[in-house]
């Protein structure tokens, strides 16, 4: 089993930066890709950024040019560097891993990011 723990969320002013971390443990050799989602109050959870085993990345249009996803070689930690933050970036940020064995998708518990105007 893979376990994920996010950290780094906090209150920040618009224009500021934050770096979120997702620490993976357990059978991390089964991880095929990892990403970050976010959910604002009243909204559905949305994909923010994604990185594959080959280090191919994907970004939602709303964060392109501002956010950067990265990971270490062993999938121990995945990061989300968030710059030029906007109030609309506020939400709970979740780390997710796609793994090669059941349950195939693993979620972290989330970390709150609040951007004040």
N, C-alpha and C. Protein backbone atom coordinates (compact mmCIF):
# COMPACT_ATOMS: atom_id res chain seq x y z
N UNK A 1 0.83 -1.19 0.00
CA UNK A 1 0.00 0.00 0.00
C UNK A 1 0.87 1.25 0.00
N UNK A 2 0.36 2.29 -0.64
CA UNK A 2 1.02 3.59 -0.66
C UNK A 2 0.25 4.55 0.23
N UNK A 3 0.95 5.31 1.03
CA UNK A 3 0.33 6.34 1.85
C UNK A 3 0.92 7.70 1.43
N UNK A 4 0.06 8.72 1.46
CA UNK A 4 0.46 10.06 1.05
C UNK A 4 0.14 11.06 2.15
N UNK A 5 1.07 11.96 2.43
CA UNK A 5 0.85 13.00 3.43
C UNK A 5 1.29 14.33 2.84
N UNK A 6 0.32 15.26 2.76
CA UNK A 6 0.63 16.58 2.22
C UNK A 6 1.03 17.54 3.34
N UNK A 7 1.79 18.55 2.97
CA UNK A 7 2.14 19.61 3.91
C UNK A 7 2.46 20.88 3.11
N UNK A 8 2.51 22.00 3.83
CA UNK A 8 2.92 23.25 3.22
C UNK A 8 1.81 24.26 3.01
N UNK A 9 0.57 23.86 3.19
CA UNK A 9 -0.51 24.80 3.00
C UNK A 9 -0.59 25.81 4.14
N UNK A 10 -0.93 27.03 3.80
CA UNK A 10 -1.08 28.07 4.82
C UNK A 10 -1.77 29.28 4.21
N UNK A 11 -1.94 30.31 5.00
CA UNK A 11 -2.52 31.57 4.55
C UNK A 11 -1.41 32.43 3.95
N UNK A 12 -1.67 32.95 2.75
CA UNK A 12 -0.68 33.79 2.08
C UNK A 12 -1.40 34.91 1.35
N UNK A 13 -0.73 36.00 1.15
CA UNK A 13 -1.32 37.13 0.43
C UNK A 13 -1.22 36.91 -1.07
N UNK A 14 -2.14 37.52 -1.79
CA UNK A 14 -2.09 37.45 -3.25
C UNK A 14 -0.74 37.94 -3.76
N UNK A 15 -0.21 37.23 -4.74
CA UNK A 15 1.10 37.54 -5.27
C UNK A 15 2.23 36.78 -4.62
N UNK A 16 1.92 36.13 -3.51
CA UNK A 16 2.92 35.38 -2.78
C UNK A 16 3.15 33.99 -3.35
N UNK A 17 3.99 33.24 -2.67
CA UNK A 17 4.35 31.90 -3.12
C UNK A 17 4.22 30.89 -1.98
N UNK A 18 3.97 29.66 -2.36
CA UNK A 18 3.96 28.54 -1.43
C UNK A 18 4.54 27.33 -2.12
N UNK A 19 5.10 26.43 -1.32
CA UNK A 19 5.57 25.16 -1.85
C UNK A 19 4.92 24.03 -1.06
N UNK A 20 4.11 23.26 -1.76
CA UNK A 20 3.46 22.12 -1.15
C UNK A 20 4.33 20.88 -1.35
N UNK A 21 4.29 20.00 -0.35
CA UNK A 21 5.02 18.74 -0.44
C UNK A 21 4.05 17.58 -0.22
N UNK A 22 4.32 16.50 -0.92
CA UNK A 22 3.55 15.28 -0.74
C UNK A 22 4.55 14.16 -0.49
N UNK A 23 4.58 13.66 0.74
CA UNK A 23 5.50 12.59 1.11
C UNK A 23 4.81 11.25 0.93
N UNK A 24 5.44 10.39 0.15
CA UNK A 24 4.89 9.06 -0.10
C UNK A 24 5.65 8.02 0.71
N UNK A 25 4.93 7.02 1.17
CA UNK A 25 5.56 5.92 1.90
C UNK A 25 4.86 4.63 1.53
N UNK A 26 5.44 3.53 1.95
CA UNK A 26 4.88 2.23 1.62
C UNK A 26 5.48 1.71 0.32
N UNK A 27 4.65 1.12 -0.50
CA UNK A 27 5.11 0.48 -1.74
C UNK A 27 5.24 1.51 -2.86
N UNK A 28 6.15 2.47 -2.67
CA UNK A 28 6.25 3.58 -3.62
C UNK A 28 6.76 3.13 -4.99
N UNK A 29 7.36 1.95 -5.07
CA UNK A 29 7.82 1.44 -6.36
C UNK A 29 6.64 1.15 -7.30
N UNK A 30 5.42 1.10 -6.74
CA UNK A 30 4.23 0.88 -7.56
C UNK A 30 3.64 2.16 -8.12
N UNK A 31 4.21 3.31 -7.75
CA UNK A 31 3.67 4.57 -8.22
C UNK A 31 4.00 4.78 -9.69
N UNK A 32 2.99 5.11 -10.48
CA UNK A 32 3.19 5.34 -11.91
C UNK A 32 3.11 6.82 -12.27
N UNK A 33 2.35 7.56 -11.50
CA UNK A 33 2.20 8.99 -11.73
C UNK A 33 1.64 9.62 -10.46
N UNK A 34 1.90 10.92 -10.29
CA UNK A 34 1.36 11.62 -9.12
C UNK A 34 0.92 13.01 -9.55
N UNK A 35 -0.02 13.53 -8.79
CA UNK A 35 -0.50 14.86 -9.14
C UNK A 35 -1.13 15.56 -7.96
N UNK A 36 -1.51 16.78 -8.24
CA UNK A 36 -2.16 17.64 -7.25
C UNK A 36 -3.53 18.05 -7.78
N UNK A 37 -4.51 17.94 -6.91
CA UNK A 37 -5.86 18.41 -7.17
C UNK A 37 -6.19 19.47 -6.12
N UNK A 38 -7.21 20.25 -6.39
CA UNK A 38 -7.68 21.19 -5.39
C UNK A 38 -9.20 21.26 -5.42
N UNK A 39 -9.75 21.63 -4.28
CA UNK A 39 -11.20 21.75 -4.15
C UNK A 39 -11.52 22.98 -3.34
N UNK A 40 -12.22 23.92 -3.97
CA UNK A 40 -12.69 25.12 -3.29
C UNK A 40 -14.09 24.85 -2.76
N UNK A 41 -14.50 25.57 -1.72
CA UNK A 41 -15.85 25.36 -1.16
C UNK A 41 -16.92 25.49 -2.24
N UNK A 42 -17.79 24.50 -2.30
CA UNK A 42 -18.89 24.53 -3.26
C UNK A 42 -18.51 24.09 -4.66
N UNK A 43 -17.24 23.78 -4.86
CA UNK A 43 -16.78 23.37 -6.19
C UNK A 43 -16.35 21.91 -6.20
N UNK A 44 -16.28 21.36 -7.40
CA UNK A 44 -15.77 20.01 -7.53
C UNK A 44 -14.25 20.01 -7.45
N UNK A 45 -13.72 18.86 -7.11
CA UNK A 45 -12.27 18.71 -7.08
C UNK A 45 -11.73 18.77 -8.51
N UNK A 46 -10.68 19.56 -8.71
CA UNK A 46 -10.14 19.71 -10.06
C UNK A 46 -8.65 19.40 -10.09
N UNK A 47 -8.21 18.90 -11.23
CA UNK A 47 -6.80 18.59 -11.42
C UNK A 47 -6.02 19.89 -11.61
N UNK A 48 -4.91 20.01 -10.89
CA UNK A 48 -4.06 21.20 -10.99
C UNK A 48 -2.81 20.89 -11.80
N UNK A 49 -2.12 19.81 -11.43
CA UNK A 49 -0.87 19.47 -12.10
C UNK A 49 -0.61 17.98 -11.94
N UNK A 50 0.16 17.42 -12.88
CA UNK A 50 0.39 15.98 -12.91
C UNK A 50 1.80 15.72 -13.43
N UNK A 51 2.44 14.69 -12.88
CA UNK A 51 3.76 14.29 -13.36
C UNK A 51 3.81 12.77 -13.47
N UNK A 52 4.36 12.28 -14.57
CA UNK A 52 4.42 10.84 -14.79
C UNK A 52 5.79 10.27 -14.41
N UNK A 53 5.88 8.96 -14.52
CA UNK A 53 7.15 8.28 -14.24
C UNK A 53 8.24 8.81 -15.16
N UNK A 54 7.88 9.15 -16.41
CA UNK A 54 8.83 9.69 -17.38
C UNK A 54 9.05 11.19 -17.21
N UNK A 55 8.43 11.76 -16.16
CA UNK A 55 8.55 13.19 -15.84
C UNK A 55 7.81 14.07 -16.84
N UNK A 56 6.90 13.49 -17.59
CA UNK A 56 5.99 14.32 -18.38
C UNK A 56 5.04 15.04 -17.44
N UNK A 57 4.82 16.32 -17.70
CA UNK A 57 3.97 17.10 -16.80
C UNK A 57 2.74 17.63 -17.54
N UNK A 58 1.73 17.90 -16.75
CA UNK A 58 0.48 18.50 -17.24
C UNK A 58 0.06 19.56 -16.24
N UNK A 59 -0.47 20.67 -16.77
CA UNK A 59 -0.96 21.74 -15.92
C UNK A 59 -2.33 22.20 -16.39
N UNK A 60 -3.19 22.50 -15.43
CA UNK A 60 -4.45 23.14 -15.77
C UNK A 60 -4.15 24.53 -16.34
N UNK A 61 -4.97 24.97 -17.26
CA UNK A 61 -4.74 26.27 -17.89
C UNK A 61 -4.66 27.40 -16.86
N UNK A 62 -5.42 27.27 -15.80
CA UNK A 62 -5.49 28.34 -14.80
C UNK A 62 -4.19 28.52 -14.02
N UNK A 63 -3.29 27.53 -14.07
CA UNK A 63 -2.06 27.62 -13.28
C UNK A 63 -0.80 27.61 -14.14
N UNK A 64 -0.96 27.45 -15.44
CA UNK A 64 0.21 27.41 -16.33
C UNK A 64 1.03 28.68 -16.19
N UNK A 65 2.34 28.50 -16.08
CA UNK A 65 3.24 29.65 -15.95
C UNK A 65 3.41 30.12 -14.52
N UNK A 66 2.57 29.61 -13.60
CA UNK A 66 2.67 30.03 -12.20
C UNK A 66 3.04 28.87 -11.28
N UNK A 67 2.56 27.67 -11.60
CA UNK A 67 2.81 26.51 -10.76
C UNK A 67 3.79 25.56 -11.46
N UNK A 68 4.59 24.88 -10.65
CA UNK A 68 5.52 23.88 -11.18
C UNK A 68 5.46 22.63 -10.31
N UNK A 69 5.24 21.49 -10.95
CA UNK A 69 5.24 20.22 -10.24
C UNK A 69 6.57 19.53 -10.48
N UNK A 70 7.08 18.89 -9.44
CA UNK A 70 8.34 18.17 -9.57
C UNK A 70 8.32 17.00 -8.60
N UNK A 71 9.23 16.07 -8.81
CA UNK A 71 9.33 14.92 -7.92
C UNK A 71 10.79 14.48 -7.81
N UNK A 72 11.08 13.77 -6.75
CA UNK A 72 12.42 13.24 -6.65
C UNK A 72 12.48 11.91 -7.40
N UNK A 73 13.66 11.36 -7.51
CA UNK A 73 13.84 10.18 -8.36
C UNK A 73 13.06 8.97 -7.88
N UNK A 74 12.89 8.85 -6.58
CA UNK A 74 12.32 7.62 -6.03
C UNK A 74 10.85 7.74 -5.67
N UNK A 75 10.22 8.85 -6.07
CA UNK A 75 8.81 9.10 -5.73
C UNK A 75 8.63 9.30 -4.21
N UNK A 76 9.70 9.55 -3.48
CA UNK A 76 9.53 9.79 -2.04
C UNK A 76 8.73 11.05 -1.78
N UNK A 77 8.99 12.09 -2.57
CA UNK A 77 8.32 13.36 -2.37
C UNK A 77 7.99 14.01 -3.71
N UNK A 78 6.79 14.54 -3.78
CA UNK A 78 6.37 15.33 -4.95
C UNK A 78 6.05 16.73 -4.46
N UNK A 79 6.46 17.71 -5.24
CA UNK A 79 6.31 19.10 -4.83
C UNK A 79 5.39 19.86 -5.80
N UNK A 80 4.77 20.89 -5.27
CA UNK A 80 4.03 21.83 -6.11
C UNK A 80 4.48 23.23 -5.70
N UNK A 81 5.28 23.85 -6.53
CA UNK A 81 5.70 25.23 -6.30
C UNK A 81 4.67 26.15 -6.90
N UNK A 82 4.10 27.01 -6.07
CA UNK A 82 3.03 27.89 -6.50
C UNK A 82 3.48 29.33 -6.35
N UNK A 83 3.57 30.04 -7.45
CA UNK A 83 3.98 31.44 -7.46
C UNK A 83 2.84 32.32 -7.94
N UNK A 84 2.97 33.60 -7.70
CA UNK A 84 1.96 34.58 -8.13
C UNK A 84 0.56 34.11 -7.76
N UNK A 85 0.39 33.74 -6.52
CA UNK A 85 -0.88 33.17 -6.08
C UNK A 85 -2.00 34.20 -6.16
N UNK A 86 -3.18 33.69 -6.47
CA UNK A 86 -4.38 34.52 -6.59
C UNK A 86 -5.44 34.03 -5.60
N UNK A 87 -6.37 34.88 -5.21
CA UNK A 87 -7.44 34.42 -4.31
C UNK A 87 -8.18 33.20 -4.84
N UNK A 88 -8.32 33.09 -6.15
CA UNK A 88 -9.03 31.94 -6.72
C UNK A 88 -8.23 30.64 -6.63
N UNK A 89 -6.99 30.70 -6.16
CA UNK A 89 -6.23 29.49 -5.91
C UNK A 89 -6.56 28.88 -4.54
N UNK A 90 -7.37 29.56 -3.78
CA UNK A 90 -7.76 29.08 -2.45
C UNK A 90 -8.49 27.76 -2.54
N UNK A 91 -8.16 26.84 -1.64
CA UNK A 91 -8.85 25.56 -1.59
C UNK A 91 -8.03 24.55 -0.81
N UNK A 92 -8.59 23.36 -0.70
CA UNK A 92 -7.84 22.24 -0.12
C UNK A 92 -7.11 21.54 -1.26
N UNK A 93 -5.83 21.40 -1.09
CA UNK A 93 -4.99 20.76 -2.12
C UNK A 93 -4.72 19.32 -1.71
N UNK A 94 -5.02 18.42 -2.63
CA UNK A 94 -4.86 16.99 -2.38
C UNK A 94 -3.79 16.42 -3.30
N UNK A 95 -3.01 15.53 -2.76
CA UNK A 95 -2.05 14.77 -3.54
C UNK A 95 -2.69 13.43 -3.91
N UNK A 96 -2.44 13.00 -5.13
CA UNK A 96 -2.98 11.74 -5.59
C UNK A 96 -1.90 10.96 -6.31
N UNK A 97 -1.90 9.64 -6.09
CA UNK A 97 -0.97 8.77 -6.79
C UNK A 97 -1.74 7.72 -7.58
N UNK A 98 -1.33 7.49 -8.80
CA UNK A 98 -1.82 6.35 -9.58
C UNK A 98 -0.81 5.23 -9.40
N UNK A 99 -1.29 4.09 -8.91
CA UNK A 99 -0.39 2.98 -8.62
C UNK A 99 -0.74 1.80 -9.49
N UNK A 100 0.20 0.88 -9.62
CA UNK A 100 0.07 -0.22 -10.57
C UNK A 100 -0.78 -1.37 -10.03
N UNK A 101 -1.10 -1.33 -8.74
CA UNK A 101 -1.88 -2.41 -8.14
C UNK A 101 -3.07 -1.80 -7.41
N UNK A 102 -4.03 -2.64 -7.04
CA UNK A 102 -5.18 -2.13 -6.29
C UNK A 102 -4.68 -1.41 -5.05
N UNK A 103 -5.30 -0.27 -4.69
CA UNK A 103 -6.57 0.25 -5.20
C UNK A 103 -6.42 1.16 -6.44
N UNK A 104 -5.26 1.21 -7.05
CA UNK A 104 -4.96 1.95 -8.28
C UNK A 104 -4.90 3.46 -8.11
N UNK A 105 -5.66 4.01 -7.19
CA UNK A 105 -5.63 5.45 -6.93
C UNK A 105 -5.59 5.66 -5.42
N UNK A 106 -4.63 6.50 -4.98
CA UNK A 106 -4.45 6.78 -3.56
C UNK A 106 -4.46 8.29 -3.36
N UNK A 107 -5.18 8.73 -2.33
CA UNK A 107 -5.30 10.16 -2.03
C UNK A 107 -4.67 10.47 -0.69
N UNK A 108 -4.12 11.67 -0.57
CA UNK A 108 -3.71 12.18 0.72
C UNK A 108 -4.89 12.83 1.42
N UNK A 109 -4.64 13.37 2.61
CA UNK A 109 -5.72 13.93 3.42
C UNK A 109 -6.00 15.39 3.09
N UNK A 110 -5.10 16.03 2.34
CA UNK A 110 -5.31 17.41 1.93
C UNK A 110 -4.61 18.42 2.82
N UNK A 111 -4.29 19.56 2.24
CA UNK A 111 -3.70 20.67 2.98
C UNK A 111 -4.35 21.96 2.50
N UNK A 112 -4.71 22.83 3.44
CA UNK A 112 -5.47 24.03 3.12
C UNK A 112 -4.55 25.15 2.64
N UNK A 113 -4.90 25.72 1.51
CA UNK A 113 -4.23 26.91 0.98
C UNK A 113 -5.25 28.03 0.92
N UNK A 114 -4.95 29.14 1.56
CA UNK A 114 -5.83 30.30 1.55
C UNK A 114 -5.04 31.50 1.06
N UNK A 115 -5.53 32.12 -0.01
CA UNK A 115 -4.88 33.30 -0.58
C UNK A 115 -5.78 34.50 -0.34
N UNK A 116 -5.28 35.46 0.41
CA UNK A 116 -6.07 36.65 0.72
C UNK A 116 -5.79 37.74 -0.31
N UNK A 117 -6.81 38.54 -0.56
CA UNK A 117 -6.66 39.63 -1.55
C UNK A 117 -6.11 40.89 -0.91
